[in-house]
């Protein structure tokens, strides 16, 4: 019927995204560890870092799920349209 969905990202792009995330999270963790503040302040900033990271993953998943559901609905609608067009005979006269 239709071609399967293809990935829009390359392996290099995936590696770049993972490395970028790892470097930024590590740099922020080192920065928090080296701040000249008390342990409670460091702990608060560390929990803030973890909350930001987990909420970023959640947001990315929600966006991806919404996009995938839209693509699936679009593909189902396209398949229905293709079926209707395949079954339609423009030369058929009803009632004869």
PDB file of N, CA and C in Angstrom:
ATOM      1  N   UNK A   1       0.819  -1.175   0.000  1.00  0.00           N
ATOM      2  CA  UNK A   1       0.000   0.000   0.000  1.00  0.00           C
ATOM      3  C   UNK A   1       0.874   1.254   0.000  1.00  0.00           C
ATOM      4  N   UNK A   2       1.527   1.518   1.112  1.00  0.00           N
ATOM      5  CA  UNK A   2       2.421   2.670   1.173  1.00  0.00           C
ATOM      6  C   UNK A   2       3.747   2.218   1.770  1.00  0.00           C
ATOM      7  N   UNK A   3       4.739   3.020   1.578  1.00  0.00           N
ATOM      8  CA  UNK A   3       6.068   2.662   2.063  1.00  0.00           C
ATOM      9  C   UNK A   3       6.143   2.837   3.568  1.00  0.00           C
ATOM     10  N   UNK A   4       6.953   2.021   4.250  1.00  0.00           N
ATOM     11  CA  UNK A   4       7.088   2.166   5.695  1.00  0.00           C
ATOM     12  C   UNK A   4       7.798   3.479   6.042  1.00  0.00           C
ATOM     13  N   UNK A   5       7.524   3.947   7.255  1.00  0.00           N
ATOM     14  CA  UNK A   5       8.137   5.197   7.705  1.00  0.00           C
ATOM     15  C   UNK A   5       9.646   5.010   7.845  1.00  0.00           C
ATOM     16  N   UNK A   6      10.393   5.988   7.391  1.00  0.00           N
ATOM     17  CA  UNK A   6      11.833   5.924   7.492  1.00  0.00           C
ATOM     18  C   UNK A   6      12.312   6.884   8.567  1.00  0.00           C
ATOM     19  N   UNK A   7      13.420   6.532   9.201  1.00  0.00           N
ATOM     20  CA  UNK A   7      13.989   7.386  10.229  1.00  0.00           C
ATOM     21  C   UNK A   7      14.529   8.662   9.589  1.00  0.00           C
ATOM     22  N   UNK A   8      14.287   9.777  10.243  1.00  0.00           N
ATOM     23  CA  UNK A   8      14.729  11.059   9.700  1.00  0.00           C
ATOM     24  C   UNK A   8      16.082  11.487  10.264  1.00  0.00           C
ATOM     25  N   UNK A   9      16.595  10.723  11.195  1.00  0.00           N
ATOM     26  CA  UNK A   9      17.876  11.089  11.795  1.00  0.00           C
ATOM     27  C   UNK A   9      18.955  10.089  11.398  1.00  0.00           C
ATOM     28  N   UNK A  10      20.155  10.585  11.312  1.00  0.00           N
ATOM     29  CA  UNK A  10      21.290   9.719  11.007  1.00  0.00           C
ATOM     30  C   UNK A  10      21.951   9.282  12.305  1.00  0.00           C
ATOM     31  N   UNK A  11      22.833   8.312  12.208  1.00  0.00           N
ATOM     32  CA  UNK A  11      23.559   7.843  13.389  1.00  0.00           C
ATOM     33  C   UNK A  11      24.463   8.945  13.941  1.00  0.00           C
ATOM     34  N   UNK A  12      25.052   9.729  13.060  1.00  0.00           N
ATOM     35  CA  UNK A  12      25.924  10.816  13.513  1.00  0.00           C
ATOM     36  C   UNK A  12      25.134  11.857  14.298  1.00  0.00           C
ATOM     37  N   UNK A  13      23.940  12.165  13.855  1.00  0.00           N
ATOM     38  CA  UNK A  13      23.098  13.133  14.562  1.00  0.00           C
ATOM     39  C   UNK A  13      22.716  12.593  15.937  1.00  0.00           C
ATOM     40  N   UNK A  14      22.391  11.310  16.007  1.00  0.00           N
ATOM     41  CA  UNK A  14      22.055  10.685  17.284  1.00  0.00           C
ATOM     42  C   UNK A  14      23.231  10.746  18.251  1.00  0.00           C
ATOM     43  N   UNK A  15      24.422  10.397  17.764  1.00  0.00           N
ATOM     44  CA  UNK A  15      25.627  10.437  18.607  1.00  0.00           C
ATOM     45  C   UNK A  15      25.896  11.868  19.071  1.00  0.00           C
ATOM     46  N   UNK A  16      25.746  12.828  18.182  1.00  0.00           N
ATOM     47  CA  UNK A  16      25.967  14.226  18.545  1.00  0.00           C
ATOM     48  C   UNK A  16      24.990  14.662  19.638  1.00  0.00           C
ATOM     49  N   UNK A  17      23.737  14.267  19.528  1.00  0.00           N
ATOM     50  CA  UNK A  17      22.742  14.636  20.531  1.00  0.00           C
ATOM     51  C   UNK A  17      23.055  14.012  21.880  1.00  0.00           C
ATOM     52  N   UNK A  18      23.446  12.742  21.873  1.00  0.00           N
ATOM     53  CA  UNK A  18      23.781  12.063  23.126  1.00  0.00           C
ATOM     54  C   UNK A  18      25.012  12.691  23.774  1.00  0.00           C
ATOM     55  N   UNK A  19      26.051  12.943  22.977  1.00  0.00           N
ATOM     56  CA  UNK A  19      27.262  13.563  23.518  1.00  0.00           C
ATOM     57  C   UNK A  19      26.993  14.973  24.027  1.00  0.00           C
ATOM     58  N   UNK A  20      26.209  15.725  23.305  1.00  0.00           N
ATOM     59  CA  UNK A  20      25.872  17.077  23.738  1.00  0.00           C
ATOM     60  C   UNK A  20      25.151  17.055  25.083  1.00  0.00           C
ATOM     61  N   UNK A  21      24.198  16.140  25.215  1.00  0.00           N
ATOM     62  CA  UNK A  21      23.489  16.018  26.483  1.00  0.00           C
ATOM     63  C   UNK A  21      24.429  15.611  27.612  1.00  0.00           C
ATOM     64  N   UNK A  22      25.274  14.623  27.361  1.00  0.00           N
ATOM     65  CA  UNK A  22      26.189  14.140  28.391  1.00  0.00           C
ATOM     66  C   UNK A  22      27.175  15.226  28.824  1.00  0.00           C
ATOM     67  N   UNK A  23      27.735  15.943  27.868  1.00  0.00           N
ATOM     68  CA  UNK A  23      28.704  16.998  28.199  1.00  0.00           C
ATOM     69  C   UNK A  23      28.032  18.121  28.984  1.00  0.00           C
ATOM     70  N   UNK A  24      26.850  18.538  28.558  1.00  0.00           N
ATOM     71  CA  UNK A  24      26.183  19.640  29.266  1.00  0.00           C
ATOM     72  C   UNK A  24      25.766  19.227  30.677  1.00  0.00           C
ATOM     73  N   UNK A  25      25.259  18.013  30.841  1.00  0.00           N
ATOM     74  CA  UNK A  25      24.870  17.549  32.177  1.00  0.00           C
ATOM     75  C   UNK A  25      26.087  17.397  33.074  1.00  0.00           C
ATOM     76  N   UNK A  26      27.176  16.858  32.536  1.00  0.00           N
ATOM     77  CA  UNK A  26      28.398  16.708  33.328  1.00  0.00           C
ATOM     78  C   UNK A  26      28.986  18.067  33.708  1.00  0.00           C
ATOM     79  N   UNK A  27      28.990  18.998  32.766  1.00  0.00           N
ATOM     80  CA  UNK A  27      29.526  20.329  33.067  1.00  0.00           C
ATOM     81  C   UNK A  27      28.706  21.014  34.155  1.00  0.00           C
ATOM     82  N   UNK A  28      27.405  20.893  34.082  1.00  0.00           N
ATOM     83  CA  UNK A  28      26.561  21.502  35.105  1.00  0.00           C
ATOM     84  C   UNK A  28      26.754  20.818  36.454  1.00  0.00           C
ATOM     85  N   UNK A  29      26.885  19.500  36.463  1.00  0.00           N
ATOM     86  CA  UNK A  29      27.131  18.779  37.716  1.00  0.00           C
ATOM     87  C   UNK A  29      28.464  19.183  38.330  1.00  0.00           C
ATOM     88  N   UNK A  30      29.507  19.317  37.523  1.00  0.00           N
ATOM     89  CA  UNK A  30      30.820  19.765  38.028  1.00  0.00           C
ATOM     90  C   UNK A  30      30.717  21.191  38.553  1.00  0.00           C
ATOM     91  N   UNK A  31      29.991  22.035  37.833  1.00  0.00           N
ATOM     92  CA  UNK A  31      29.810  23.415  38.287  1.00  0.00           C
ATOM     93  C   UNK A  31      29.099  23.482  39.624  1.00  0.00           C
ATOM     94  N   UNK A  32      28.066  22.671  39.794  1.00  0.00           N
ATOM     95  CA  UNK A  32      27.354  22.647  41.077  1.00  0.00           C
ATOM     96  C   UNK A  32      28.262  22.124  42.184  1.00  0.00           C
ATOM     97  N   UNK A  33      29.053  21.099  41.885  1.00  0.00           N
ATOM     98  CA  UNK A  33      29.947  20.522  42.894  1.00  0.00           C
ATOM     99  C   UNK A  33      31.026  21.511  43.323  1.00  0.00           C
ATOM    100  N   UNK A  34      31.452  22.397  42.447  1.00  0.00           N
ATOM    101  CA  UNK A  34      32.538  23.329  42.763  1.00  0.00           C
ATOM    102  C   UNK A  34      32.056  24.698  43.235  1.00  0.00           C
ATOM    103  N   UNK A  35      30.764  24.876  43.412  1.00  0.00           N
ATOM    104  CA  UNK A  35      30.265  26.155  43.906  1.00  0.00           C
ATOM    105  C   UNK A  35      30.724  26.375  45.347  1.00  0.00           C
ATOM    106  N   UNK A  36      31.065  27.604  45.700  1.00  0.00           N
ATOM    107  CA  UNK A  36      31.473  27.881  47.084  1.00  0.00           C
ATOM    108  C   UNK A  36      30.245  28.123  47.983  1.00  0.00           C
ATOM    109  N   UNK A  37      29.410  27.113  48.089  1.00  0.00           N
ATOM    110  CA  UNK A  37      28.206  27.199  48.920  1.00  0.00           C
ATOM    111  C   UNK A  37      28.118  25.961  49.800  1.00  0.00           C
ATOM    112  N   UNK A  38      27.151  25.976  50.694  1.00  0.00           N
ATOM    113  CA  UNK A  38      26.973  24.852  51.606  1.00  0.00           C
ATOM    114  C   UNK A  38      26.388  23.633  50.926  1.00  0.00           C
ATOM    115  N   UNK A  39      26.434  22.490  51.640  1.00  0.00           N
ATOM    116  CA  UNK A  39      25.936  21.240  51.054  1.00  0.00           C
ATOM    117  C   UNK A  39      24.434  21.262  50.762  1.00  0.00           C
ATOM    118  N   UNK A  40      23.648  21.964  51.573  1.00  0.00           N
ATOM    119  CA  UNK A  40      22.209  22.027  51.324  1.00  0.00           C
ATOM    120  C   UNK A  40      21.909  22.766  50.025  1.00  0.00           C
ATOM    121  N   UNK A  41      22.661  23.813  49.754  1.00  0.00           N
ATOM    122  CA  UNK A  41      22.463  24.553  48.510  1.00  0.00           C
ATOM    123  C   UNK A  41      22.864  23.701  47.326  1.00  0.00           C
ATOM    124  N   UNK A  42      23.997  22.987  47.463  1.00  0.00           N
ATOM    125  CA  UNK A  42      24.415  22.076  46.395  1.00  0.00           C
ATOM    126  C   UNK A  42      23.381  20.985  46.156  1.00  0.00           C
ATOM    127  N   UNK A  43      22.850  20.434  47.225  1.00  0.00           N
ATOM    128  CA  UNK A  43      21.834  19.381  47.095  1.00  0.00           C
ATOM    129  C   UNK A  43      20.589  19.923  46.402  1.00  0.00           C
ATOM    130  N   UNK A  44      20.184  21.137  46.759  1.00  0.00           N
ATOM    131  CA  UNK A  44      19.019  21.742  46.125  1.00  0.00           C
ATOM    132  C   UNK A  44      19.258  21.932  44.632  1.00  0.00           C
ATOM    133  N   UNK A  45      20.426  22.431  44.257  1.00  0.00           N
ATOM    134  CA  UNK A  45      20.744  22.625  42.842  1.00  0.00           C
ATOM    135  C   UNK A  45      20.853  21.283  42.118  1.00  0.00           C
ATOM    136  N   UNK A  46      21.376  20.265  42.783  1.00  0.00           N
ATOM    137  CA  UNK A  46      21.458  18.931  42.180  1.00  0.00           C
ATOM    138  C   UNK A  46      20.082  18.342  41.920  1.00  0.00           C
ATOM    139  N   UNK A  47      19.175  18.498  42.878  1.00  0.00           N
ATOM    140  CA  UNK A  47      17.811  18.018  42.679  1.00  0.00           C
ATOM    141  C   UNK A  47      17.143  18.805  41.554  1.00  0.00           C
ATOM    142  N   UNK A  48      17.418  20.100  41.479  1.00  0.00           N
ATOM    143  CA  UNK A  48      16.892  20.912  40.379  1.00  0.00           C
ATOM    144  C   UNK A  48      17.405  20.426  39.041  1.00  0.00           C
ATOM    145  N   UNK A  49      18.681  20.063  38.991  1.00  0.00           N
ATOM    146  CA  UNK A  49      19.264  19.516  37.759  1.00  0.00           C
ATOM    147  C   UNK A  49      18.574  18.207  37.369  1.00  0.00           C
ATOM    148  N   UNK A  50      18.391  17.307  38.321  1.00  0.00           N
ATOM    149  CA  UNK A  50      17.721  16.032  38.030  1.00  0.00           C
ATOM    150  C   UNK A  50      16.278  16.246  37.579  1.00  0.00           C
ATOM    151  N   UNK A  51      15.583  17.176  38.215  1.00  0.00           N
ATOM    152  CA  UNK A  51      14.199  17.464  37.834  1.00  0.00           C
ATOM    153  C   UNK A  51      14.138  18.017  36.411  1.00  0.00           C
ATOM    154  N   UNK A  52      15.058  18.898  36.074  1.00  0.00           N
ATOM    155  CA  UNK A  52      15.089  19.464  34.728  1.00  0.00           C
ATOM    156  C   UNK A  52      15.370  18.383  33.687  1.00  0.00           C
ATOM    157  N   UNK A  53      16.307  17.498  33.979  1.00  0.00           N
ATOM    158  CA  UNK A  53      16.642  16.432  33.037  1.00  0.00           C
ATOM    159  C   UNK A  53      15.458  15.483  32.840  1.00  0.00           C
ATOM    160  N   UNK A  54      14.825  15.052  33.922  1.00  0.00           N
ATOM    161  CA  UNK A  54      13.714  14.117  33.778  1.00  0.00           C
ATOM    162  C   UNK A  54      12.516  14.769  33.097  1.00  0.00           C
ATOM    163  N   UNK A  55      12.257  16.033  33.396  1.00  0.00           N
ATOM    164  CA  UNK A  55      11.131  16.695  32.730  1.00  0.00           C
ATOM    165  C   UNK A  55      11.435  16.925  31.254  1.00  0.00           C
ATOM    166  N   UNK A  56      12.709  17.116  30.894  1.00  0.00           N
ATOM    167  CA  UNK A  56      13.078  17.245  29.481  1.00  0.00           C
ATOM    168  C   UNK A  56      12.821  15.937  28.734  1.00  0.00           C
ATOM    169  N   UNK A  57      13.179  14.811  29.351  1.00  0.00           N
ATOM    170  CA  UNK A  57      12.909  13.512  28.725  1.00  0.00           C
ATOM    171  C   UNK A  57      11.407  13.285  28.572  1.00  0.00           C
ATOM    172  N   UNK A  58      10.645  13.645  29.600  1.00  0.00           N
ATOM    173  CA  UNK A  58       9.200  13.476  29.538  1.00  0.00           C
ATOM    174  C   UNK A  58       8.598  14.330  28.425  1.00  0.00           C
ATOM    175  N   UNK A  59       9.031  15.581  28.330  1.00  0.00           N
ATOM    176  CA  UNK A  59       8.529  16.464  27.279  1.00  0.00           C
ATOM    177  C   UNK A  59       8.878  15.921  25.891  1.00  0.00           C
ATOM    178  N   UNK A  60      10.097  15.450  25.718  1.00  0.00           N
ATOM    179  CA  UNK A  60      10.493  14.884  24.423  1.00  0.00           C
ATOM    180  C   UNK A  60       9.646  13.667  24.079  1.00  0.00           C
ATOM    181  N   UNK A  61       9.357  12.822  25.062  1.00  0.00           N
ATOM    182  CA  UNK A  61       8.535  11.635  24.815  1.00  0.00           C
ATOM    183  C   UNK A  61       7.113  12.021  24.442  1.00  0.00           C
ATOM    184  N   UNK A  62       6.541  13.006  25.133  1.00  0.00           N
ATOM    185  CA  UNK A  62       5.175  13.437  24.831  1.00  0.00           C
ATOM    186  C   UNK A  62       5.092  14.011  23.418  1.00  0.00           C
ATOM    187  N   UNK A  63       6.071  14.817  23.047  1.00  0.00           N
ATOM    188  CA  UNK A  63       6.090  15.394  21.704  1.00  0.00           C
ATOM    189  C   UNK A  63       6.219  14.293  20.654  1.00  0.00           C
ATOM    190  N   UNK A  64       7.114  13.331  20.908  1.00  0.00           N
ATOM    191  CA  UNK A  64       7.289  12.226  19.960  1.00  0.00           C
ATOM    192  C   UNK A  64       6.025  11.386  19.841  1.00  0.00           C
ATOM    193  N   UNK A  65       5.390  11.082  20.973  1.00  0.00           N
ATOM    194  CA  UNK A  65       4.160  10.280  20.942  1.00  0.00           C
ATOM    195  C   UNK A  65       3.051  11.000  20.190  1.00  0.00           C
ATOM    196  N   UNK A  66       2.931  12.297  20.384  1.00  0.00           N
ATOM    197  CA  UNK A  66       1.897  13.058  19.679  1.00  0.00           C
ATOM    198  C   UNK A  66       2.163  13.052  18.179  1.00  0.00           C
ATOM    199  N   UNK A  67       3.432  13.208  17.798  1.00  0.00           N
ATOM    200  CA  UNK A  67       3.773  13.200  16.380  1.00  0.00           C
ATOM    201  C   UNK A  67       3.506  11.828  15.766  1.00  0.00           C
ATOM    202  N   UNK A  68       3.877  10.757  16.469  1.00  0.00           N
ATOM    203  CA  UNK A  68       3.639   9.414  15.952  1.00  0.00           C
ATOM    204  C   UNK A  68       2.154   9.120  15.813  1.00  0.00           C
ATOM    205  N   UNK A  69       1.350   9.556  16.777  1.00  0.00           N
ATOM    206  CA  UNK A  69      -0.092   9.290  16.675  1.00  0.00           C
ATOM    207  C   UNK A  69      -0.687  10.064  15.507  1.00  0.00           C
ATOM    208  N   UNK A  70      -0.199  11.265  15.256  1.00  0.00           N
ATOM    209  CA  UNK A  70      -0.677  12.039  14.110  1.00  0.00           C
ATOM    210  C   UNK A  70      -0.303  11.345  12.809  1.00  0.00           C
ATOM    211  N   UNK A  71       0.908  10.809  12.729  1.00  0.00           N
ATOM    212  CA  UNK A  71       1.341  10.113  11.520  1.00  0.00           C
ATOM    213  C   UNK A  71       0.525   8.843  11.294  1.00  0.00           C
ATOM    214  N   UNK A  72       0.194   8.133  12.368  1.00  0.00           N
ATOM    215  CA  UNK A  72      -0.586   6.900  12.234  1.00  0.00           C
ATOM    216  C   UNK A  72      -1.987   7.225  11.740  1.00  0.00           C
ATOM    217  N   UNK A  73      -2.613   8.259  12.310  1.00  0.00           N
ATOM    218  CA  UNK A  73      -3.951   8.655  11.879  1.00  0.00           C
ATOM    219  C   UNK A  73      -3.912   9.084  10.418  1.00  0.00           C
ATOM    220  N   UNK A  74      -2.892   9.823  10.032  1.00  0.00           N
ATOM    221  CA  UNK A  74      -2.763  10.260   8.647  1.00  0.00           C
ATOM    222  C   UNK A  74      -2.604   9.062   7.722  1.00  0.00           C
ATOM    223  N   UNK A  75      -1.816   8.071   8.120  1.00  0.00           N
ATOM    224  CA  UNK A  75      -1.621   6.889   7.286  1.00  0.00           C
ATOM    225  C   UNK A  75      -2.912   6.079   7.169  1.00  0.00           C
ATOM    226  N   UNK A  76      -3.683   5.974   8.255  1.00  0.00           N
ATOM    227  CA  UNK A  76      -4.953   5.247   8.206  1.00  0.00           C
ATOM    228  C   UNK A  76      -5.921   5.976   7.287  1.00  0.00           C
ATOM    229  N   UNK A  77      -5.999   7.308   7.414  1.00  0.00           N
ATOM    230  CA  UNK A  77      -6.875   8.080   6.529  1.00  0.00           C
ATOM    231  C   UNK A  77      -6.456   7.931   5.071  1.00  0.00           C
ATOM    232  N   UNK A  78      -5.166   7.919   4.822  1.00  0.00           N
ATOM    233  CA  UNK A  78      -4.663   7.750   3.458  1.00  0.00           C
ATOM    234  C   UNK A  78      -5.029   6.374   2.916  1.00  0.00           C
ATOM    235  N   UNK A  79      -4.929   5.345   3.749  1.00  0.00           N
ATOM    236  CA  UNK A  79      -5.292   3.993   3.312  1.00  0.00           C
ATOM    237  C   UNK A  79      -6.782   3.904   3.002  1.00  0.00           C
ATOM    238  N   UNK A  80      -7.619   4.535   3.814  1.00  0.00           N
ATOM    239  CA  UNK A  80      -9.061   4.535   3.534  1.00  0.00           C
ATOM    240  C   UNK A  80      -9.359   5.241   2.219  1.00  0.00           C
ATOM    241  N   UNK A  81      -8.702   6.373   1.997  1.00  0.00           N
ATOM    242  CA  UNK A  81      -8.911   7.105   0.749  1.00  0.00           C
ATOM    243  C   UNK A  81      -8.469   6.279  -0.451  1.00  0.00           C
ATOM    244  N   UNK A  82      -7.326   5.607  -0.341  1.00  0.00           N
ATOM    245  CA  UNK A  82      -6.850   4.762  -1.439  1.00  0.00           C
ATOM    246  C   UNK A  82      -7.834   3.629  -1.716  1.00  0.00           C
ATOM    247  N   UNK A  83      -8.413   3.052  -0.663  1.00  0.00           N
ATOM    248  CA  UNK A  83      -9.383   1.979  -0.839  1.00  0.00           C
ATOM    249  C   UNK A  83     -10.637   2.497  -1.542  1.00  0.00           C
ATOM    250  N   UNK A  84     -11.140   3.661  -1.111  1.00  0.00           N
ATOM    251  CA  UNK A  84     -12.324   4.237  -1.751  1.00  0.00           C
ATOM    252  C   UNK A  84     -12.070   4.552  -3.217  1.00  0.00           C
ATOM    253  N   UNK A  85     -10.897   5.092  -3.511  1.00  0.00           N
ATOM    254  CA  UNK A  85     -10.577   5.418  -4.902  1.00  0.00           C
ATOM    255  C   UNK A  85     -10.424   4.164  -5.744  1.00  0.00           C
ATOM    256  N   UNK A  86      -9.886   3.091  -5.154  1.00  0.00           N
ATOM    257  CA  UNK A  86      -9.715   1.843  -5.895  1.00  0.00           C
ATOM    258  C   UNK A  86     -11.063   1.183  -6.183  1.00  0.00           C
ATOM    259  N   UNK A  87     -12.020   1.333  -5.266  1.00  0.00           N
ATOM    260  CA  UNK A  87     -13.320   0.709  -5.439  1.00  0.00           C
ATOM    261  C   UNK A  87     -14.269   1.546  -6.291  1.00  0.00           C
ATOM    262  N   UNK A  88     -13.961   2.799  -6.490  1.00  0.00           N
ATOM    263  CA  UNK A  88     -14.858   3.699  -7.223  1.00  0.00           C
ATOM    264  C   UNK A  88     -14.760   3.456  -8.723  1.00  0.00           C
ATOM    265  N   UNK A  89     -15.926   3.302  -9.342  1.00  0.00           N
ATOM    266  CA  UNK A  89     -15.999   3.139 -10.795  1.00  0.00           C
ATOM    267  C   UNK A  89     -16.766   4.336 -11.357  1.00  0.00           C
ATOM    268  N   UNK A  90     -16.067   5.277 -12.020  1.00  0.00           N
ATOM    269  CA  UNK A  90     -16.752   6.483 -12.491  1.00  0.00           C
ATOM    270  C   UNK A  90     -17.747   6.212 -13.623  1.00  0.00           C
ATOM    271  N   UNK A  91     -17.653   5.057 -14.257  1.00  0.00           N
ATOM    272  CA  UNK A  91     -18.550   4.746 -15.392  1.00  0.00           C
ATOM    273  C   UNK A  91     -19.756   3.930 -14.983  1.00  0.00           C
ATOM    274  N   UNK A  92     -19.841   3.562 -13.712  1.00  0.00           N
ATOM    275  CA  UNK A  92     -20.972   2.772 -13.222  1.00  0.00           C
ATOM    276  C   UNK A  92     -22.178   3.704 -13.022  1.00  0.00           C
ATOM    277  N   UNK A  93     -23.319   3.284 -13.535  1.00  0.00           N
ATOM    278  CA  UNK A  93     -24.545   4.059 -13.393  1.00  0.00           C
ATOM    279  C   UNK A  93     -25.450   3.320 -12.437  1.00  0.00           C
ATOM    280  N   UNK A  94     -25.878   3.997 -11.376  1.00  0.00           N
ATOM    281  CA  UNK A  94     -26.764   3.377 -10.409  1.00  0.00           C
ATOM    282  C   UNK A  94     -28.185   3.324 -10.946  1.00  0.00           C
ATOM    283  N   UNK A  95     -28.893   2.251 -10.638  1.00  0.00           N
ATOM    284  CA  UNK A  95     -30.297   2.135 -11.004  1.00  0.00           C
ATOM    285  C   UNK A  95     -30.551   1.486 -12.345  1.00  0.00           C
ATOM    286  N   UNK A  96     -29.534   1.036 -13.008  1.00  0.00           N
ATOM    287  CA  UNK A  96     -29.764   0.389 -14.325  1.00  0.00           C
ATOM    288  C   UNK A  96     -29.517  -1.092 -14.189  1.00  0.00           C
TER     289      UNK A  96
END
